Each structure stands twice: as structure tokens, then as C-alpha cells.
Amino acid sequence: MFSSQSQDYGTETYKRTSFSFSPNVGYFAWNKLALGARFSYDIENVKIGSTEDKETDLLFMPWVRYYFLEPVKPINLYGEVFYGMGSSKSNDDDAEGISKYGLEAGLSWFCNERVALDFFTGYRRSKFEEDDDWASTIYLGIAFQIFLDRCGPKRVEAVSKAR
């Protein structure tokens, strides 16, 4: 993910640039239920006038995803919950712990047996170790998924029975 924002406030300009790389790996533990983990590396640079701040986050986020429809459908609905923990470093300060948890709901469109596009919305809360307050985020997203074995052996049985 990449985002950039710029806005003028009278005599000062606000600029925010962020980059996030979050690969997933998962395994279908049961029919329609996948367990996995996401490794997230985020960089955010904020500049207000002549003041510049850079924040780098590194998180490990286990997740659970459930597909609601049968695996033979080209479109499927899912729900996902996750919890993440890691570290955040701002400028030259020492790194501090960070926690995130959230849930997502979305639609997976399987272009073929092994490739899907996910369209989703989510709610996430995050908290820095030293803070008392949680920050909340609502977001929309699109993801590209590659399945090495979509829904495991039951998928093969379902396809055989459908033919």
C-alpha cells in the first residue's frame, strides 16, 4: 500500500506519505476456516512546515478467517479477526511496543481455482505501549490472494461431486 496526502494550512503545508508491505501466509485448518499470520512493515513520513517526523512499525499479526459460502463458488464472503503485536520507532527515539486488533469483512472473487481478488472493509484499534488511549481506524481495501490449495481436500471432493 502507498498513500500520499498534501494540504495547505495558511502559511504551512502538511504532507503525509506512507508505505506498507503486509504479506500473508495461511492454512485451511478446516473446511472454510483458515488460520494464518501477517507480517506488516509500515513507514510513515509526516512533514508540517519545516518539522518532519518519521515512524516505522514492524508487526506480527496472527489471524483467523472464515468463508461463509461453499468453496466451489466463484464469489465468497468472509469474516476475519486479527491481533498484532510489535514495535514502533519514531525518529531517533527508542522503539516502543505497539498492539493492534481488528476485524474485516469482505468478498473474495476467485478469478480461477487459485487466484482471488479480495474487496474488504475493516475496523482496527491500535495502542502504543506507553499510551492509555486506543486509536480507531475504519478502512476499505483490495488485496490479491494466491491459494496453493484452496480449502484443502474437501475442495477436490466438492468439485468432483459437482461435475
N, C-alpha and C. Protein backbone atom coordinates (compact mmCIF):
# COMPACT_ATOMS: atom_id res chain seq x y z
N MET A 1 0.84 -1.16 0.00
CA MET A 1 0.00 0.00 0.00
C MET A 1 0.89 1.23 0.00
N PHE A 2 0.47 2.22 -0.73
CA PHE A 2 1.14 3.51 -0.74
C PHE A 2 0.08 4.58 -0.66
N SER A 3 0.31 5.62 0.14
CA SER A 3 -0.61 6.75 0.16
C SER A 3 0.18 8.03 0.34
N SER A 4 -0.39 9.10 -0.20
CA SER A 4 0.23 10.41 -0.11
C SER A 4 -0.86 11.45 0.08
N GLN A 5 -0.60 12.42 0.94
CA GLN A 5 -1.58 13.45 1.23
C GLN A 5 -0.85 14.77 1.39
N SER A 6 -1.43 15.83 0.87
CA SER A 6 -0.85 17.16 1.00
C SER A 6 -1.97 18.17 1.19
N GLN A 7 -1.76 19.09 2.12
CA GLN A 7 -2.80 20.09 2.39
C GLN A 7 -2.14 21.35 2.90
N ASP A 8 -2.65 22.50 2.46
CA ASP A 8 -2.13 23.79 2.92
C ASP A 8 -2.96 24.30 4.08
N TYR A 9 -2.26 24.74 5.14
CA TYR A 9 -2.89 25.37 6.31
C TYR A 9 -2.32 26.78 6.44
N GLY A 10 -2.91 27.71 5.76
CA GLY A 10 -2.42 29.10 5.82
C GLY A 10 -1.00 29.19 5.29
N THR A 11 -0.07 29.43 6.20
CA THR A 11 1.34 29.60 5.79
C THR A 11 2.13 28.30 5.81
N GLU A 12 1.55 27.21 6.36
CA GLU A 12 2.27 25.94 6.45
C GLU A 12 1.61 24.87 5.59
N THR A 13 2.43 23.94 5.14
CA THR A 13 1.94 22.83 4.34
C THR A 13 2.09 21.53 5.14
N TYR A 14 1.04 20.73 5.10
CA TYR A 14 1.03 19.40 5.74
C TYR A 14 1.22 18.36 4.65
N LYS A 15 2.22 17.50 4.78
CA LYS A 15 2.46 16.42 3.82
C LYS A 15 2.62 15.12 4.58
N ARG A 16 1.91 14.09 4.13
CA ARG A 16 1.98 12.77 4.76
C ARG A 16 2.17 11.73 3.66
N THR A 17 3.18 10.90 3.81
CA THR A 17 3.44 9.82 2.88
C THR A 17 3.58 8.54 3.68
N SER A 18 2.92 7.48 3.22
CA SER A 18 3.05 6.21 3.94
C SER A 18 3.18 5.06 2.95
N PHE A 19 3.90 4.05 3.40
CA PHE A 19 4.12 2.83 2.63
C PHE A 19 3.95 1.66 3.59
N SER A 20 3.24 0.64 3.13
CA SER A 20 3.02 -0.55 3.95
C SER A 20 3.19 -1.80 3.09
N PHE A 21 3.92 -2.75 3.63
CA PHE A 21 4.09 -4.04 2.98
C PHE A 21 3.65 -5.10 3.97
N SER A 22 2.60 -5.88 3.62
CA SER A 22 2.00 -6.82 4.58
C SER A 22 1.71 -8.17 3.94
N PRO A 23 2.71 -9.01 3.74
CA PRO A 23 2.44 -10.33 3.19
C PRO A 23 1.73 -11.23 4.20
N ASN A 24 0.84 -12.08 3.70
CA ASN A 24 0.07 -13.04 4.49
C ASN A 24 0.51 -14.46 4.16
N VAL A 25 0.37 -15.33 5.12
CA VAL A 25 0.50 -16.75 4.87
C VAL A 25 -0.56 -17.42 5.72
N GLY A 26 -1.23 -18.42 5.15
CA GLY A 26 -2.31 -19.07 5.89
C GLY A 26 -2.46 -20.52 5.51
N TYR A 27 -3.27 -21.20 6.28
CA TYR A 27 -3.51 -22.63 6.08
C TYR A 27 -4.97 -22.92 6.40
N PHE A 28 -5.64 -23.69 5.52
CA PHE A 28 -7.01 -24.10 5.79
C PHE A 28 -6.98 -25.24 6.80
N ALA A 29 -7.27 -24.92 8.05
CA ALA A 29 -7.26 -25.90 9.13
C ALA A 29 -8.49 -26.81 9.04
N TRP A 30 -9.62 -26.25 8.66
CA TRP A 30 -10.87 -26.98 8.46
C TRP A 30 -11.53 -26.41 7.22
N ASN A 31 -12.52 -27.11 6.72
CA ASN A 31 -13.25 -26.62 5.55
C ASN A 31 -13.78 -25.21 5.82
N LYS A 32 -13.39 -24.27 5.03
CA LYS A 32 -13.82 -22.87 5.05
C LYS A 32 -13.20 -22.04 6.18
N LEU A 33 -12.35 -22.62 7.04
CA LEU A 33 -11.71 -21.88 8.13
C LEU A 33 -10.20 -21.88 7.92
N ALA A 34 -9.64 -20.68 7.77
CA ALA A 34 -8.20 -20.55 7.57
C ALA A 34 -7.57 -19.85 8.76
N LEU A 35 -6.36 -20.30 9.10
CA LEU A 35 -5.56 -19.70 10.16
C LEU A 35 -4.27 -19.20 9.52
N GLY A 36 -3.77 -18.07 9.99
CA GLY A 36 -2.55 -17.58 9.38
C GLY A 36 -1.92 -16.45 10.15
N ALA A 37 -0.96 -15.81 9.48
CA ALA A 37 -0.24 -14.68 10.08
C ALA A 37 0.11 -13.68 8.99
N ARG A 38 0.15 -12.45 9.38
CA ARG A 38 0.54 -11.35 8.50
C ARG A 38 1.74 -10.67 9.15
N PHE A 39 2.74 -10.38 8.36
CA PHE A 39 3.89 -9.62 8.81
C PHE A 39 3.76 -8.24 8.18
N SER A 40 3.73 -7.22 8.99
CA SER A 40 3.48 -5.88 8.48
C SER A 40 4.67 -4.96 8.74
N TYR A 41 5.12 -4.30 7.68
CA TYR A 41 6.19 -3.32 7.77
C TYR A 41 5.63 -2.01 7.24
N ASP A 42 5.51 -1.00 8.10
CA ASP A 42 4.89 0.28 7.75
C ASP A 42 5.87 1.42 7.98
N ILE A 43 5.90 2.34 7.03
CA ILE A 43 6.71 3.56 7.16
C ILE A 43 5.79 4.75 6.90
N GLU A 44 5.84 5.73 7.79
CA GLU A 44 5.03 6.94 7.60
C GLU A 44 5.92 8.15 7.82
N ASN A 45 5.85 9.09 6.91
CA ASN A 45 6.61 10.32 6.99
C ASN A 45 5.63 11.49 6.99
N VAL A 46 5.67 12.32 8.04
CA VAL A 46 4.78 13.47 8.15
C VAL A 46 5.63 14.73 8.25
N LYS A 47 5.30 15.71 7.41
CA LYS A 47 6.02 16.97 7.42
C LYS A 47 5.01 18.11 7.56
N ILE A 48 5.17 18.91 8.61
CA ILE A 48 4.33 20.09 8.82
C ILE A 48 5.28 21.28 8.86
N GLY A 49 5.19 22.10 7.83
CA GLY A 49 6.13 23.21 7.70
C GLY A 49 7.53 22.68 7.58
N SER A 50 8.42 23.06 8.51
CA SER A 50 9.80 22.59 8.48
C SER A 50 10.05 21.41 9.43
N THR A 51 9.01 21.00 10.17
CA THR A 51 9.14 19.88 11.11
C THR A 51 8.79 18.57 10.40
N GLU A 52 9.68 17.59 10.54
CA GLU A 52 9.45 16.30 9.87
C GLU A 52 9.56 15.16 10.88
N ASP A 53 8.59 14.25 10.84
CA ASP A 53 8.58 13.07 11.70
C ASP A 53 8.50 11.81 10.84
N LYS A 54 9.26 10.80 11.24
CA LYS A 54 9.25 9.51 10.54
C LYS A 54 8.96 8.42 11.55
N GLU A 55 8.00 7.55 11.21
CA GLU A 55 7.65 6.45 12.10
C GLU A 55 7.74 5.14 11.31
N THR A 56 8.33 4.13 11.95
CA THR A 56 8.46 2.81 11.35
C THR A 56 7.87 1.78 12.30
N ASP A 57 6.93 0.98 11.79
CA ASP A 57 6.29 -0.07 12.59
C ASP A 57 6.60 -1.43 11.99
N LEU A 58 6.83 -2.41 12.85
CA LEU A 58 7.02 -3.79 12.45
C LEU A 58 6.14 -4.64 13.34
N LEU A 59 5.19 -5.38 12.72
CA LEU A 59 4.22 -6.15 13.50
C LEU A 59 4.07 -7.58 13.00
N PHE A 60 3.74 -8.46 13.91
CA PHE A 60 3.37 -9.84 13.63
C PHE A 60 1.89 -9.96 14.02
N MET A 61 1.03 -10.38 13.06
CA MET A 61 -0.41 -10.42 13.32
C MET A 61 -1.02 -11.76 12.95
N PRO A 62 -1.24 -12.65 13.92
CA PRO A 62 -2.00 -13.88 13.65
C PRO A 62 -3.45 -13.52 13.31
N TRP A 63 -4.08 -14.31 12.44
CA TRP A 63 -5.47 -14.06 12.05
C TRP A 63 -6.23 -15.36 11.86
N VAL A 64 -7.57 -15.24 11.91
CA VAL A 64 -8.49 -16.34 11.64
C VAL A 64 -9.51 -15.82 10.63
N ARG A 65 -9.71 -16.57 9.55
CA ARG A 65 -10.66 -16.16 8.51
C ARG A 65 -11.64 -17.30 8.25
N TYR A 66 -12.92 -16.94 8.12
CA TYR A 66 -13.95 -17.92 7.82
C TYR A 66 -14.69 -17.52 6.55
N TYR A 67 -14.77 -18.45 5.58
CA TYR A 67 -15.52 -18.24 4.34
C TYR A 67 -16.93 -18.79 4.55
N PHE A 68 -17.93 -17.99 4.24
CA PHE A 68 -19.32 -18.35 4.54
C PHE A 68 -19.97 -19.25 3.48
N LEU A 69 -19.55 -19.17 2.24
CA LEU A 69 -20.15 -19.97 1.17
C LEU A 69 -19.30 -21.19 0.86
N GLU A 70 -19.87 -22.10 0.09
CA GLU A 70 -19.14 -23.32 -0.28
C GLU A 70 -17.94 -22.96 -1.18
N PRO A 71 -16.85 -23.72 -1.09
CA PRO A 71 -15.63 -23.41 -1.85
C PRO A 71 -15.79 -23.48 -3.37
N VAL A 72 -16.83 -24.12 -3.87
CA VAL A 72 -16.98 -24.23 -5.33
C VAL A 72 -17.51 -22.94 -5.96
N LYS A 73 -17.94 -21.99 -5.16
CA LYS A 73 -18.49 -20.73 -5.66
C LYS A 73 -17.36 -19.81 -6.12
N PRO A 74 -17.56 -19.09 -7.26
CA PRO A 74 -16.53 -18.15 -7.71
C PRO A 74 -16.47 -16.88 -6.85
N ILE A 75 -17.55 -16.59 -6.14
CA ILE A 75 -17.58 -15.46 -5.23
C ILE A 75 -17.90 -15.99 -3.84
N ASN A 76 -17.14 -15.53 -2.86
CA ASN A 76 -17.35 -16.00 -1.50
C ASN A 76 -17.26 -14.81 -0.54
N LEU A 77 -17.98 -14.88 0.54
CA LEU A 77 -17.96 -13.86 1.58
C LEU A 77 -17.13 -14.37 2.76
N TYR A 78 -16.41 -13.48 3.41
CA TYR A 78 -15.60 -13.92 4.54
C TYR A 78 -15.61 -12.90 5.66
N GLY A 79 -15.24 -13.37 6.84
CA GLY A 79 -15.00 -12.54 8.00
C GLY A 79 -13.65 -12.91 8.57
N GLU A 80 -12.94 -11.93 9.09
CA GLU A 80 -11.59 -12.19 9.61
C GLU A 80 -11.38 -11.38 10.89
N VAL A 81 -10.71 -11.98 11.85
CA VAL A 81 -10.28 -11.27 13.06
C VAL A 81 -8.77 -11.42 13.17
N PHE A 82 -8.12 -10.42 13.76
CA PHE A 82 -6.66 -10.48 13.91
C PHE A 82 -6.23 -9.74 15.16
N TYR A 83 -5.05 -10.10 15.62
CA TYR A 83 -4.41 -9.40 16.73
C TYR A 83 -2.93 -9.28 16.38
N GLY A 84 -2.40 -8.09 16.53
CA GLY A 84 -1.00 -7.88 16.19
C GLY A 84 -0.20 -7.27 17.31
N MET A 85 1.06 -7.63 17.36
CA MET A 85 1.97 -7.05 18.33
C MET A 85 3.32 -6.82 17.67
N GLY A 86 4.00 -5.78 18.12
CA GLY A 86 5.29 -5.49 17.51
C GLY A 86 5.92 -4.26 18.11
N SER A 87 6.70 -3.56 17.29
CA SER A 87 7.39 -2.37 17.78
C SER A 87 7.22 -1.21 16.82
N SER A 88 7.32 -0.02 17.38
CA SER A 88 7.20 1.21 16.61
C SER A 88 8.35 2.12 16.99
N LYS A 89 8.98 2.70 15.99
CA LYS A 89 10.11 3.61 16.23
C LYS A 89 9.80 4.93 15.55
N SER A 90 9.91 6.00 16.32
CA SER A 90 9.64 7.34 15.80
C SER A 90 10.91 8.17 15.85
N ASN A 91 11.31 8.69 14.70
CA ASN A 91 12.53 9.49 14.59
C ASN A 91 13.71 8.77 15.23
N ASP A 92 14.41 9.44 16.14
CA ASP A 92 15.58 8.84 16.81
C ASP A 92 15.24 8.31 18.19
N ASP A 93 13.96 8.27 18.54
CA ASP A 93 13.54 7.76 19.85
C ASP A 93 13.71 6.25 19.92
N ASP A 94 13.70 5.73 21.14
CA ASP A 94 13.75 4.28 21.33
C ASP A 94 12.46 3.66 20.82
N ALA A 95 12.54 2.43 20.38
CA ALA A 95 11.35 1.70 19.92
C ALA A 95 10.44 1.41 21.11
N GLU A 96 9.14 1.42 20.85
CA GLU A 96 8.18 1.07 21.89
C GLU A 96 7.20 0.04 21.33
N GLY A 97 6.59 -0.70 22.24
CA GLY A 97 5.64 -1.73 21.83
C GLY A 97 4.37 -1.14 21.27
N ILE A 98 3.76 -1.88 20.34
CA ILE A 98 2.50 -1.46 19.75
C ILE A 98 1.61 -2.70 19.62
N SER A 99 0.32 -2.52 19.85
CA SER A 99 -0.66 -3.60 19.71
C SER A 99 -1.76 -3.15 18.78
N LYS A 100 -2.28 -4.09 17.99
CA LYS A 100 -3.41 -3.82 17.10
C LYS A 100 -4.34 -5.01 17.12
N TYR A 101 -5.63 -4.75 17.05
CA TYR A 101 -6.59 -5.82 16.85
C TYR A 101 -7.70 -5.29 15.97
N GLY A 102 -8.40 -6.20 15.32
CA GLY A 102 -9.47 -5.73 14.45
C GLY A 102 -10.23 -6.85 13.80
N LEU A 103 -11.17 -6.43 12.97
CA LEU A 103 -11.94 -7.39 12.20
C LEU A 103 -12.19 -6.83 10.82
N GLU A 104 -12.32 -7.76 9.87
CA GLU A 104 -12.58 -7.40 8.48
C GLU A 104 -13.72 -8.26 7.96
N ALA A 105 -14.45 -7.72 7.01
CA ALA A 105 -15.47 -8.47 6.29
C ALA A 105 -15.28 -8.15 4.82
N GLY A 106 -15.42 -9.17 3.99
CA GLY A 106 -15.18 -8.90 2.59
C GLY A 106 -15.74 -9.93 1.65
N LEU A 107 -15.43 -9.70 0.39
CA LEU A 107 -15.87 -10.55 -0.70
C LEU A 107 -14.63 -11.00 -1.46
N SER A 108 -14.49 -12.29 -1.67
CA SER A 108 -13.40 -12.83 -2.48
C SER A 108 -13.96 -13.24 -3.84
N TRP A 109 -13.37 -12.71 -4.89
CA TRP A 109 -13.76 -13.10 -6.24
C TRP A 109 -12.63 -13.96 -6.79
N PHE A 110 -12.92 -15.25 -6.99
CA PHE A 110 -11.93 -16.19 -7.48
C PHE A 110 -11.88 -16.11 -9.00
N CYS A 111 -10.81 -15.53 -9.52
CA CYS A 111 -10.61 -15.41 -10.96
C CYS A 111 -10.44 -16.79 -11.58
N ASN A 112 -9.83 -17.70 -10.84
CA ASN A 112 -9.69 -19.10 -11.22
C ASN A 112 -9.54 -19.92 -9.93
N GLU A 113 -9.16 -21.16 -10.05
CA GLU A 113 -9.06 -22.08 -8.92
C GLU A 113 -8.11 -21.59 -7.82
N ARG A 114 -7.09 -20.83 -8.19
CA ARG A 114 -6.02 -20.50 -7.25
C ARG A 114 -5.82 -19.00 -6.97
N VAL A 115 -6.47 -18.13 -7.70
CA VAL A 115 -6.23 -16.69 -7.58
C VAL A 115 -7.54 -15.96 -7.26
N ALA A 116 -7.46 -15.06 -6.28
CA ALA A 116 -8.65 -14.29 -5.90
C ALA A 116 -8.30 -12.83 -5.66
N LEU A 117 -9.28 -11.99 -5.89
CA LEU A 117 -9.21 -10.58 -5.50
C LEU A 117 -10.15 -10.42 -4.32
N ASP A 118 -9.67 -9.80 -3.26
CA ASP A 118 -10.48 -9.55 -2.08
C ASP A 118 -10.84 -8.07 -2.03
N PHE A 119 -12.10 -7.78 -1.79
CA PHE A 119 -12.60 -6.43 -1.58
C PHE A 119 -13.14 -6.43 -0.16
N PHE A 120 -12.63 -5.56 0.70
CA PHE A 120 -12.99 -5.67 2.11
C PHE A 120 -13.11 -4.32 2.80
N THR A 121 -13.76 -4.36 3.94
CA THR A 121 -13.81 -3.22 4.85
C THR A 121 -13.41 -3.72 6.23
N GLY A 122 -12.87 -2.84 7.03
CA GLY A 122 -12.41 -3.29 8.33
C GLY A 122 -12.43 -2.22 9.39
N TYR A 123 -12.28 -2.68 10.61
CA TYR A 123 -12.19 -1.82 11.78
C TYR A 123 -10.98 -2.28 12.58
N ARG A 124 -10.10 -1.34 12.91
CA ARG A 124 -8.86 -1.68 13.62
C ARG A 124 -8.66 -0.70 14.78
N ARG A 125 -8.15 -1.24 15.88
CA ARG A 125 -7.77 -0.41 17.02
C ARG A 125 -6.30 -0.64 17.29
N SER A 126 -5.58 0.43 17.59
CA SER A 126 -4.16 0.29 17.88
C SER A 126 -3.79 1.13 19.10
N LYS A 127 -2.75 0.67 19.80
CA LYS A 127 -2.32 1.33 21.03
C LYS A 127 -0.81 1.18 21.19
N PHE A 128 -0.19 2.29 21.51
CA PHE A 128 1.23 2.26 21.83
C PHE A 128 1.39 1.87 23.30
N GLU A 129 2.46 1.20 23.59
CA GLU A 129 2.74 0.67 24.93
C GLU A 129 2.63 1.74 26.03
N GLU A 130 3.13 2.92 25.77
CA GLU A 130 3.16 3.99 26.78
C GLU A 130 1.86 4.79 26.86
N ASP A 131 0.95 4.62 25.89
CA ASP A 131 -0.29 5.39 25.86
C ASP A 131 -1.41 4.67 26.61
N ASP A 132 -2.35 5.46 27.12
CA ASP A 132 -3.53 4.89 27.76
C ASP A 132 -4.68 4.72 26.77
N ASP A 133 -4.66 5.50 25.71
CA ASP A 133 -5.78 5.52 24.76
C ASP A 133 -5.52 4.67 23.53
N TRP A 134 -6.61 4.11 23.00
CA TRP A 134 -6.58 3.34 21.75
C TRP A 134 -7.00 4.26 20.61
N ALA A 135 -6.39 4.09 19.44
CA ALA A 135 -6.78 4.81 18.23
C ALA A 135 -7.59 3.87 17.36
N SER A 136 -8.68 4.34 16.79
CA SER A 136 -9.56 3.51 15.96
C SER A 136 -9.46 3.94 14.50
N THR A 137 -9.53 2.96 13.59
CA THR A 137 -9.47 3.21 12.16
C THR A 137 -10.52 2.36 11.46
N ILE A 138 -11.24 2.98 10.53
CA ILE A 138 -12.14 2.26 9.63
C ILE A 138 -11.52 2.38 8.24
N TYR A 139 -11.47 1.27 7.50
CA TYR A 139 -10.78 1.30 6.22
C TYR A 139 -11.45 0.41 5.18
N LEU A 140 -11.11 0.66 3.92
CA LEU A 140 -11.52 -0.15 2.78
C LEU A 140 -10.26 -0.62 2.09
N GLY A 141 -10.31 -1.79 1.45
CA GLY A 141 -9.12 -2.27 0.78
C GLY A 141 -9.39 -3.27 -0.31
N ILE A 142 -8.36 -3.51 -1.11
CA ILE A 142 -8.36 -4.53 -2.15
C ILE A 142 -7.07 -5.32 -1.98
N ALA A 143 -7.17 -6.63 -2.03
CA ALA A 143 -5.99 -7.48 -1.87
C ALA A 143 -5.97 -8.55 -2.95
N PHE A 144 -4.81 -9.03 -3.25
CA PHE A 144 -4.57 -10.08 -4.24
C PHE A 144 -4.15 -11.33 -3.47
N GLN A 145 -4.84 -12.45 -3.68
CA GLN A 145 -4.55 -13.69 -2.95
C GLN A 145 -4.17 -14.80 -3.92
N ILE A 146 -3.19 -15.60 -3.54
CA ILE A 146 -2.83 -16.80 -4.29
C ILE A 146 -3.00 -17.98 -3.34
N PHE A 147 -3.76 -18.98 -3.77
CA PHE A 147 -4.03 -20.17 -2.95
C PHE A 147 -3.27 -21.35 -3.53
N LEU A 148 -2.45 -21.99 -2.72
CA LEU A 148 -1.73 -23.18 -3.17
C LEU A 148 -2.67 -24.38 -3.17
N ASP A 149 -3.63 -24.40 -2.22
CA ASP A 149 -4.62 -25.48 -2.15
C ASP A 149 -5.88 -24.90 -1.55
N ARG A 150 -6.77 -24.42 -2.38
CA ARG A 150 -7.97 -23.73 -1.93
C ARG A 150 -8.89 -24.67 -1.16
N CYS A 151 -8.99 -24.48 0.12
CA CYS A 151 -9.86 -25.22 1.03
C CYS A 151 -9.51 -26.69 1.16
N GLY A 152 -8.33 -27.10 0.79
CA GLY A 152 -7.85 -28.45 1.06
C GLY A 152 -8.58 -29.55 0.32
N PRO A 153 -8.50 -30.80 0.84
CA PRO A 153 -9.05 -31.98 0.17
C PRO A 153 -10.56 -31.90 -0.04
N LYS A 154 -11.29 -31.25 0.83
CA LYS A 154 -12.74 -31.16 0.67
C LYS A 154 -13.09 -30.40 -0.61
N ARG A 155 -12.24 -29.46 -1.03
CA ARG A 155 -12.46 -28.71 -2.27
C ARG A 155 -12.45 -29.66 -3.46
N VAL A 156 -11.51 -30.58 -3.50
CA VAL A 156 -11.40 -31.53 -4.60
C VAL A 156 -12.64 -32.42 -4.63
N GLU A 157 -13.10 -32.88 -3.45
CA GLU A 157 -14.30 -33.71 -3.38
C GLU A 157 -15.52 -32.95 -3.87
N ALA A 158 -15.64 -31.67 -3.47
CA ALA A 158 -16.80 -30.87 -3.87
C ALA A 158 -16.82 -30.65 -5.37
N VAL A 159 -15.67 -30.40 -5.98
CA VAL A 159 -15.60 -30.21 -7.43
C VAL A 159 -15.97 -31.51 -8.14
N SER A 160 -15.49 -32.63 -7.65
CA SER A 160 -15.81 -33.94 -8.28
C SER A 160 -17.30 -34.22 -8.21
N LYS A 161 -17.93 -33.92 -7.09
CA LYS A 161 -19.36 -34.16 -6.94
C LYS A 161 -20.18 -33.21 -7.80
N ALA A 162 -19.68 -31.99 -8.03
CA ALA A 162 -20.43 -31.01 -8.80
C ALA A 162 -20.44 -31.34 -10.30
N ARG A 163 -19.50 -32.12 -10.77
CA ARG A 163 -19.41 -32.40 -12.22
C ARG A 163 -20.25 -33.52 -12.63
